[in-house]
């Protein structure tokens, strides 16, 4: 006789990546420091590692952020080359681009925080992501200052 298993829909599902789960704060900070490509990838990996109930929605938003940042950076570069806005406005435009990246990323962070709280409540163990964040920070700053425009573009995403 087959026995039915009890499953709560919001409860995170266990998986093989469970040992890689960190508090969503660390990938969110990595997104702030190193951009959407690095931080968004870590947030997506964290969602799948913890078995987040909203992981599909989280990944969809993270992909939208990445595509949106690419479109914004290319569009702003084209507008700047065509002298649509003066050079002194570039620092303010960069702030706007960062805000456009951080707002949807904050929603992903809050969705993932709910799943993380439930993950730790049901006995899941989280790792400390501080050392990974520091490594990402130092790699991104060294890539920005010691590399060409491709590295700067990738960390600007």
N, C-alpha and C. Protein backbone atom coordinates (compact mmCIF):
# COMPACT_ATOMS: atom_id res chain seq x y z
N UNK A 1 0.84 -1.17 0.00
CA UNK A 1 0.00 0.00 0.00
C UNK A 1 0.89 1.24 0.00
N UNK A 2 0.54 2.19 -0.83
CA UNK A 2 1.29 3.43 -0.95
C UNK A 2 0.82 4.42 0.10
N UNK A 3 1.80 5.06 0.73
CA UNK A 3 1.47 5.99 1.81
C UNK A 3 1.54 7.41 1.28
N UNK A 4 0.52 8.21 1.54
CA UNK A 4 0.49 9.60 1.10
C UNK A 4 1.41 10.43 1.99
N UNK A 5 2.08 11.37 1.39
CA UNK A 5 2.96 12.25 2.17
C UNK A 5 2.27 13.59 2.34
N UNK A 6 2.49 14.16 3.48
CA UNK A 6 1.91 15.46 3.80
C UNK A 6 2.89 16.54 3.36
N UNK A 7 2.40 17.54 2.63
CA UNK A 7 3.27 18.60 2.13
C UNK A 7 2.54 19.93 2.19
N UNK A 8 3.16 20.91 2.81
CA UNK A 8 2.63 22.27 2.83
C UNK A 8 3.15 22.98 1.59
N UNK A 9 2.29 23.67 0.89
CA UNK A 9 2.66 24.29 -0.38
C UNK A 9 3.79 25.30 -0.21
N UNK A 10 3.74 26.12 0.84
CA UNK A 10 4.77 27.14 1.05
C UNK A 10 6.06 26.60 1.64
N UNK A 11 6.03 25.37 2.12
CA UNK A 11 7.23 24.82 2.76
C UNK A 11 8.31 24.56 1.71
N UNK A 12 9.53 25.00 1.98
CA UNK A 12 10.62 24.76 1.02
C UNK A 12 10.85 23.27 0.81
N UNK A 13 11.13 22.91 -0.43
CA UNK A 13 11.43 21.51 -0.74
C UNK A 13 12.93 21.29 -0.65
N UNK A 14 13.31 20.19 -0.04
CA UNK A 14 14.73 19.88 0.13
C UNK A 14 15.32 19.44 -1.20
N UNK A 15 16.59 19.80 -1.41
CA UNK A 15 17.25 19.43 -2.64
C UNK A 15 18.73 19.20 -2.43
N UNK A 16 19.44 18.85 -3.49
CA UNK A 16 20.86 18.55 -3.36
C UNK A 16 21.72 19.79 -3.09
N UNK A 17 21.22 20.97 -3.38
CA UNK A 17 21.98 22.20 -3.17
C UNK A 17 21.76 22.81 -1.80
N UNK A 18 21.10 22.08 -0.91
CA UNK A 18 20.70 22.64 0.38
C UNK A 18 21.88 23.15 1.20
N UNK A 19 23.06 22.59 1.00
CA UNK A 19 24.23 23.02 1.76
C UNK A 19 24.73 24.40 1.34
N UNK A 20 24.22 24.94 0.26
CA UNK A 20 24.67 26.24 -0.25
C UNK A 20 23.76 27.39 0.15
N UNK A 21 22.74 27.13 0.94
CA UNK A 21 21.77 28.17 1.30
C UNK A 21 22.42 29.19 2.23
N UNK A 22 22.22 30.46 1.90
CA UNK A 22 22.67 31.57 2.75
C UNK A 22 21.47 32.48 2.99
N UNK A 23 21.61 33.36 3.96
CA UNK A 23 20.60 34.37 4.19
C UNK A 23 20.50 35.24 2.93
N UNK A 24 19.29 35.53 2.43
CA UNK A 24 19.15 36.31 1.20
C UNK A 24 19.77 37.71 1.27
N UNK A 25 20.09 38.16 2.47
CA UNK A 25 20.75 39.46 2.60
C UNK A 25 22.09 39.48 1.87
N UNK A 26 22.86 38.38 1.95
CA UNK A 26 24.19 38.36 1.33
C UNK A 26 24.13 38.46 -0.19
N UNK A 27 23.30 37.68 -0.88
CA UNK A 27 23.21 37.87 -2.33
C UNK A 27 22.64 39.24 -2.72
N UNK A 28 21.73 39.76 -1.89
CA UNK A 28 21.17 41.09 -2.16
C UNK A 28 22.27 42.15 -2.07
N UNK A 29 23.12 42.05 -1.06
CA UNK A 29 24.26 42.98 -0.95
C UNK A 29 25.23 42.79 -2.10
N UNK A 30 25.41 41.55 -2.55
CA UNK A 30 26.28 41.30 -3.71
C UNK A 30 25.70 41.94 -4.96
N UNK A 31 24.38 41.95 -5.08
CA UNK A 31 23.75 42.62 -6.20
C UNK A 31 24.01 44.13 -6.14
N UNK A 32 24.01 44.68 -4.94
CA UNK A 32 24.33 46.10 -4.78
C UNK A 32 25.78 46.39 -5.15
N UNK A 33 26.68 45.53 -4.72
CA UNK A 33 28.11 45.78 -4.87
C UNK A 33 28.61 45.44 -6.28
N UNK A 34 28.22 44.29 -6.78
CA UNK A 34 28.83 43.79 -8.02
C UNK A 34 27.89 43.78 -9.22
N UNK A 35 26.64 44.12 -9.03
CA UNK A 35 25.74 44.19 -10.16
C UNK A 35 24.78 43.02 -10.27
N UNK A 36 23.92 43.10 -11.27
CA UNK A 36 22.86 42.12 -11.45
C UNK A 36 23.36 40.77 -11.89
N UNK A 37 24.42 40.74 -12.65
CA UNK A 37 24.91 39.46 -13.17
C UNK A 37 25.40 38.58 -12.04
N UNK A 38 26.23 39.11 -11.16
CA UNK A 38 26.80 38.33 -10.07
C UNK A 38 25.79 38.13 -8.95
N UNK A 39 25.22 39.23 -8.46
CA UNK A 39 24.27 39.14 -7.35
C UNK A 39 22.98 38.44 -7.73
N UNK A 40 22.50 38.69 -8.93
CA UNK A 40 21.28 38.02 -9.39
C UNK A 40 21.46 36.53 -9.56
N UNK A 41 22.64 36.14 -10.04
CA UNK A 41 22.93 34.71 -10.17
C UNK A 41 22.96 34.04 -8.81
N UNK A 42 23.57 34.72 -7.83
CA UNK A 42 23.62 34.17 -6.48
C UNK A 42 22.23 34.10 -5.86
N UNK A 43 21.40 35.12 -6.09
CA UNK A 43 20.03 35.08 -5.57
C UNK A 43 19.25 33.92 -6.19
N UNK A 44 19.41 33.71 -7.50
CA UNK A 44 18.71 32.62 -8.17
C UNK A 44 19.19 31.27 -7.65
N UNK A 45 20.50 31.12 -7.50
CA UNK A 45 21.05 29.87 -6.96
C UNK A 45 20.54 29.62 -5.54
N UNK A 46 20.46 30.67 -4.75
CA UNK A 46 19.95 30.55 -3.38
C UNK A 46 18.48 30.13 -3.38
N UNK A 47 17.70 30.65 -4.31
CA UNK A 47 16.29 30.29 -4.39
C UNK A 47 16.13 28.80 -4.69
N UNK A 48 16.92 28.29 -5.63
CA UNK A 48 16.83 26.87 -5.95
C UNK A 48 17.43 26.01 -4.85
N UNK A 49 18.48 26.49 -4.19
CA UNK A 49 19.12 25.71 -3.13
C UNK A 49 18.18 25.53 -1.94
N UNK A 50 17.44 26.56 -1.60
CA UNK A 50 16.55 26.44 -0.44
C UNK A 50 15.19 25.88 -0.83
N UNK A 51 14.91 25.76 -2.13
CA UNK A 51 13.62 25.24 -2.56
C UNK A 51 12.50 26.23 -2.34
N UNK A 52 12.78 27.49 -2.62
CA UNK A 52 11.82 28.56 -2.40
C UNK A 52 10.52 28.31 -3.16
N UNK A 53 9.41 28.59 -2.52
CA UNK A 53 8.10 28.39 -3.15
C UNK A 53 7.89 29.37 -4.30
N UNK A 54 8.58 30.51 -4.28
CA UNK A 54 8.41 31.53 -5.32
C UNK A 54 9.63 31.60 -6.23
N UNK A 55 10.38 30.53 -6.37
CA UNK A 55 11.64 30.59 -7.12
C UNK A 55 11.44 30.90 -8.60
N UNK A 56 10.36 30.46 -9.20
CA UNK A 56 10.14 30.78 -10.62
C UNK A 56 9.90 32.27 -10.81
N UNK A 57 9.11 32.84 -9.92
CA UNK A 57 8.84 34.28 -9.99
C UNK A 57 10.12 35.06 -9.70
N UNK A 58 10.91 34.60 -8.73
CA UNK A 58 12.17 35.27 -8.40
C UNK A 58 13.12 35.26 -9.60
N UNK A 59 13.26 34.11 -10.23
CA UNK A 59 14.17 34.00 -11.38
C UNK A 59 13.66 34.85 -12.54
N UNK A 60 12.36 34.88 -12.75
CA UNK A 60 11.80 35.70 -13.83
C UNK A 60 12.11 37.18 -13.60
N UNK A 61 11.98 37.64 -12.37
CA UNK A 61 12.28 39.04 -12.06
C UNK A 61 13.78 39.30 -12.20
N UNK A 62 14.62 38.36 -11.78
CA UNK A 62 16.07 38.55 -11.91
C UNK A 62 16.51 38.59 -13.37
N UNK A 63 15.91 37.77 -14.21
CA UNK A 63 16.21 37.82 -15.65
C UNK A 63 15.73 39.14 -16.24
N UNK A 64 14.56 39.61 -15.81
CA UNK A 64 14.06 40.90 -16.28
C UNK A 64 14.98 42.04 -15.85
N UNK A 65 15.54 41.95 -14.64
CA UNK A 65 16.49 42.97 -14.19
C UNK A 65 17.72 42.96 -15.08
N UNK A 66 18.24 41.78 -15.38
CA UNK A 66 19.44 41.67 -16.20
C UNK A 66 19.21 42.22 -17.61
N UNK A 67 18.10 41.85 -18.20
CA UNK A 67 17.77 42.36 -19.54
C UNK A 67 17.52 43.87 -19.49
N UNK A 68 16.81 44.31 -18.47
CA UNK A 68 16.54 45.74 -18.32
C UNK A 68 17.81 46.56 -18.14
N UNK A 69 18.75 46.05 -17.36
CA UNK A 69 20.02 46.76 -17.18
C UNK A 69 20.80 46.83 -18.48
N UNK A 70 20.79 45.74 -19.24
CA UNK A 70 21.47 45.75 -20.54
C UNK A 70 20.85 46.81 -21.45
N UNK A 71 19.53 46.84 -21.52
CA UNK A 71 18.85 47.81 -22.37
C UNK A 71 19.11 49.23 -21.88
N UNK A 72 19.04 49.45 -20.57
CA UNK A 72 19.30 50.79 -20.03
C UNK A 72 20.72 51.27 -20.31
N UNK A 73 21.69 50.41 -20.09
CA UNK A 73 23.08 50.82 -20.29
C UNK A 73 23.37 51.10 -21.75
N UNK A 74 22.89 50.24 -22.63
CA UNK A 74 23.10 50.47 -24.06
C UNK A 74 22.35 51.73 -24.51
N UNK A 75 21.12 51.91 -24.04
CA UNK A 75 20.35 53.09 -24.42
C UNK A 75 20.95 54.38 -23.91
N UNK A 76 21.39 54.38 -22.65
CA UNK A 76 22.00 55.58 -22.09
C UNK A 76 23.32 55.90 -22.78
N UNK A 77 24.08 54.86 -23.12
CA UNK A 77 25.33 55.08 -23.86
C UNK A 77 25.06 55.70 -25.23
N UNK A 78 24.04 55.22 -25.91
CA UNK A 78 23.69 55.78 -27.22
C UNK A 78 23.22 57.22 -27.09
N UNK A 79 22.41 57.49 -26.07
CA UNK A 79 21.94 58.87 -25.86
C UNK A 79 23.10 59.80 -25.51
N UNK A 80 24.03 59.30 -24.72
CA UNK A 80 25.19 60.12 -24.36
C UNK A 80 26.09 60.39 -25.57
N UNK A 81 26.28 59.36 -26.40
CA UNK A 81 27.08 59.55 -27.62
C UNK A 81 26.45 60.57 -28.56
N UNK A 82 25.13 60.59 -28.62
CA UNK A 82 24.42 61.55 -29.48
C UNK A 82 24.19 62.88 -28.79
N UNK A 83 24.79 63.07 -27.61
CA UNK A 83 24.74 64.31 -26.85
C UNK A 83 23.32 64.78 -26.56
N UNK A 84 22.46 63.82 -26.18
CA UNK A 84 21.09 64.16 -25.81
C UNK A 84 21.08 64.85 -24.46
N UNK A 85 21.96 64.41 -23.57
CA UNK A 85 22.09 65.07 -22.27
C UNK A 85 23.57 65.34 -22.00
N UNK A 86 23.87 66.41 -21.28
CA UNK A 86 25.27 66.79 -21.06
C UNK A 86 26.01 65.80 -20.15
N UNK A 87 27.33 65.88 -20.19
CA UNK A 87 28.18 64.95 -19.43
C UNK A 87 28.01 65.11 -17.92
N UNK A 88 27.69 66.30 -17.46
CA UNK A 88 27.58 66.51 -16.01
C UNK A 88 26.39 65.78 -15.40
N UNK A 89 25.46 65.31 -16.24
CA UNK A 89 24.30 64.58 -15.71
C UNK A 89 24.56 63.08 -15.55
N UNK A 90 25.70 62.57 -16.04
CA UNK A 90 25.97 61.14 -15.98
C UNK A 90 25.95 60.56 -14.56
N UNK A 91 26.52 61.23 -13.55
CA UNK A 91 26.42 60.64 -12.20
C UNK A 91 24.97 60.48 -11.72
N UNK A 92 24.11 61.40 -12.10
CA UNK A 92 22.71 61.30 -11.70
C UNK A 92 21.99 60.20 -12.48
N UNK A 93 22.36 60.03 -13.73
CA UNK A 93 21.78 58.95 -14.54
C UNK A 93 22.21 57.60 -13.97
N UNK A 94 23.46 57.48 -13.54
CA UNK A 94 23.94 56.23 -12.94
C UNK A 94 23.17 55.90 -11.66
N UNK A 95 22.85 56.91 -10.88
CA UNK A 95 22.04 56.69 -9.67
C UNK A 95 20.66 56.16 -10.07
N UNK A 96 20.08 56.74 -11.10
CA UNK A 96 18.78 56.27 -11.57
C UNK A 96 18.82 54.82 -12.05
N UNK A 97 19.91 54.45 -12.72
CA UNK A 97 20.06 53.07 -13.19
C UNK A 97 20.16 52.12 -11.99
N UNK A 98 20.90 52.52 -10.98
CA UNK A 98 21.04 51.66 -9.79
C UNK A 98 19.70 51.51 -9.06
N UNK A 99 18.94 52.59 -9.00
CA UNK A 99 17.62 52.51 -8.36
C UNK A 99 16.71 51.60 -9.18
N UNK A 100 16.78 51.69 -10.50
CA UNK A 100 15.97 50.82 -11.36
C UNK A 100 16.33 49.36 -11.16
N UNK A 101 17.57 49.08 -10.79
CA UNK A 101 17.99 47.70 -10.53
C UNK A 101 17.57 47.26 -9.12
N UNK A 102 17.66 48.15 -8.16
CA UNK A 102 17.46 47.76 -6.77
C UNK A 102 15.99 47.57 -6.39
N UNK A 103 15.09 48.29 -7.00
CA UNK A 103 13.68 48.17 -6.63
C UNK A 103 13.13 46.77 -6.88
N UNK A 104 13.24 46.22 -8.09
CA UNK A 104 12.74 44.84 -8.26
C UNK A 104 13.58 43.82 -7.49
N UNK A 105 14.88 44.09 -7.32
CA UNK A 105 15.72 43.17 -6.55
C UNK A 105 15.28 43.14 -5.09
N UNK A 106 14.79 44.25 -4.58
CA UNK A 106 14.29 44.27 -3.21
C UNK A 106 13.06 43.38 -3.06
N UNK A 107 12.20 43.37 -4.08
CA UNK A 107 11.04 42.47 -4.05
C UNK A 107 11.48 41.02 -4.02
N UNK A 108 12.49 40.68 -4.82
CA UNK A 108 13.02 39.31 -4.81
C UNK A 108 13.58 38.99 -3.43
N UNK A 109 14.29 39.93 -2.84
CA UNK A 109 14.85 39.75 -1.50
C UNK A 109 13.76 39.47 -0.48
N UNK A 110 12.65 40.21 -0.53
CA UNK A 110 11.58 40.00 0.45
C UNK A 110 10.88 38.66 0.24
N UNK A 111 10.66 38.28 -1.04
CA UNK A 111 10.05 36.97 -1.30
C UNK A 111 10.95 35.85 -0.79
N UNK A 112 12.23 35.99 -1.04
CA UNK A 112 13.17 34.95 -0.64
C UNK A 112 13.35 34.94 0.89
N UNK A 113 13.22 36.08 1.53
CA UNK A 113 13.34 36.14 2.98
C UNK A 113 12.23 35.35 3.66
N UNK A 114 11.03 35.39 3.10
CA UNK A 114 9.93 34.60 3.65
C UNK A 114 10.24 33.10 3.56
N UNK A 115 10.72 32.67 2.40
CA UNK A 115 11.07 31.26 2.25
C UNK A 115 12.25 30.89 3.13
N UNK A 116 13.18 31.82 3.30
CA UNK A 116 14.34 31.54 4.15
C UNK A 116 13.92 31.38 5.61
N UNK A 117 13.00 32.22 6.06
CA UNK A 117 12.51 32.10 7.44
C UNK A 117 11.84 30.75 7.65
N UNK A 118 11.06 30.32 6.69
CA UNK A 118 10.41 29.02 6.78
C UNK A 118 11.44 27.89 6.69
N UNK A 119 12.44 28.07 5.84
CA UNK A 119 13.52 27.08 5.69
C UNK A 119 14.25 26.87 7.01
N UNK A 120 14.59 27.94 7.69
CA UNK A 120 15.29 27.80 8.96
C UNK A 120 14.35 27.28 10.06
N UNK A 121 13.07 27.61 9.96
CA UNK A 121 12.11 27.15 10.96
C UNK A 121 11.94 25.63 10.92
N UNK A 122 11.92 25.06 9.71
CA UNK A 122 11.72 23.62 9.59
C UNK A 122 13.02 22.83 9.73
N UNK A 123 14.10 23.51 10.14
CA UNK A 123 15.34 22.79 10.45
C UNK A 123 16.45 22.94 9.44
N UNK A 124 16.27 23.77 8.43
CA UNK A 124 17.34 23.97 7.46
C UNK A 124 18.47 24.78 8.07
N UNK A 125 19.67 24.49 7.63
CA UNK A 125 20.83 25.18 8.17
C UNK A 125 21.43 26.07 7.08
N UNK A 126 21.64 27.33 7.42
CA UNK A 126 22.18 28.30 6.46
C UNK A 126 23.66 28.52 6.70
N UNK A 127 24.37 28.83 5.65
CA UNK A 127 25.80 29.14 5.72
C UNK A 127 25.97 30.65 5.83
N UNK A 128 27.15 31.05 6.24
CA UNK A 128 27.47 32.47 6.33
C UNK A 128 27.98 32.93 4.96
N UNK A 129 27.36 33.94 4.40
CA UNK A 129 27.74 34.42 3.08
C UNK A 129 28.67 35.62 3.10
N UNK A 130 29.14 36.02 4.27
CA UNK A 130 29.99 37.20 4.37
C UNK A 130 31.29 37.04 3.58
N UNK A 131 31.91 35.88 3.68
CA UNK A 131 33.20 35.68 3.00
C UNK A 131 33.03 35.67 1.48
N UNK A 132 31.94 35.11 1.01
CA UNK A 132 31.66 35.13 -0.42
C UNK A 132 31.41 36.57 -0.88
N UNK A 133 30.67 37.32 -0.07
CA UNK A 133 30.40 38.72 -0.41
C UNK A 133 31.69 39.52 -0.46
N UNK A 134 32.57 39.33 0.50
CA UNK A 134 33.86 40.04 0.49
C UNK A 134 34.69 39.66 -0.73
N UNK A 135 34.71 38.38 -1.09
CA UNK A 135 35.44 37.95 -2.28
C UNK A 135 34.86 38.59 -3.54
N UNK A 136 33.54 38.62 -3.63
CA UNK A 136 32.89 39.26 -4.78
C UNK A 136 33.23 40.74 -4.82
N UNK A 137 33.22 41.39 -3.67
CA UNK A 137 33.54 42.82 -3.62
C UNK A 137 34.95 43.09 -4.11
N UNK A 138 35.93 42.34 -3.61
CA UNK A 138 37.31 42.59 -4.01
C UNK A 138 37.56 42.19 -5.47
N UNK A 139 36.91 41.15 -5.95
CA UNK A 139 37.07 40.77 -7.35
C UNK A 139 36.43 41.81 -8.26
N UNK A 140 35.27 42.33 -7.87
CA UNK A 140 34.60 43.31 -8.73
C UNK A 140 35.35 44.63 -8.76
N UNK A 141 35.89 45.07 -7.63
CA UNK A 141 36.63 46.34 -7.65
C UNK A 141 37.95 46.19 -8.38
N UNK A 142 38.61 45.05 -8.25
CA UNK A 142 39.86 44.87 -8.99
C UNK A 142 39.57 44.74 -10.48
N UNK A 143 38.46 44.10 -10.86
CA UNK A 143 38.10 44.00 -12.27
C UNK A 143 37.75 45.37 -12.85
N UNK A 144 37.12 46.20 -12.04
CA UNK A 144 36.75 47.52 -12.53
C UNK A 144 37.97 48.41 -12.75
N UNK A 145 38.96 48.30 -11.87
CA UNK A 145 40.10 49.20 -11.96
C UNK A 145 41.24 48.65 -12.80
N UNK A 146 41.30 47.33 -13.01
CA UNK A 146 42.42 46.75 -13.73
C UNK A 146 42.05 46.15 -15.07
N UNK A 147 40.82 46.32 -15.51
CA UNK A 147 40.39 45.69 -16.75
C UNK A 147 39.88 46.73 -17.73
N UNK A 148 39.46 46.20 -18.85
CA UNK A 148 38.96 47.05 -19.91
C UNK A 148 37.48 47.30 -19.80
N UNK A 149 36.90 47.82 -20.88
CA UNK A 149 35.49 48.21 -20.87
C UNK A 149 34.53 47.02 -20.76
N UNK A 150 34.95 45.82 -21.17
CA UNK A 150 34.04 44.68 -21.09
C UNK A 150 33.78 44.31 -19.62
N UNK A 151 34.83 44.28 -18.81
CA UNK A 151 34.65 43.98 -17.38
C UNK A 151 33.82 45.06 -16.70
N UNK A 152 34.07 46.32 -17.05
CA UNK A 152 33.28 47.40 -16.47
C UNK A 152 31.81 47.28 -16.83
N UNK A 153 31.55 46.88 -18.09
CA UNK A 153 30.17 46.70 -18.55
C UNK A 153 29.49 45.55 -17.81
N UNK A 154 30.20 44.44 -17.65
CA UNK A 154 29.60 43.28 -16.97
C UNK A 154 29.30 43.58 -15.51
N UNK A 155 30.18 44.31 -14.83
CA UNK A 155 29.90 44.63 -13.44
C UNK A 155 28.94 45.80 -13.31
N UNK A 156 28.68 46.52 -14.38
CA UNK A 156 27.68 47.58 -14.33
C UNK A 156 26.28 47.00 -14.46
N UNK A 157 26.16 45.83 -15.09
CA UNK A 157 24.85 45.18 -15.21
C UNK A 157 24.37 44.89 -13.85
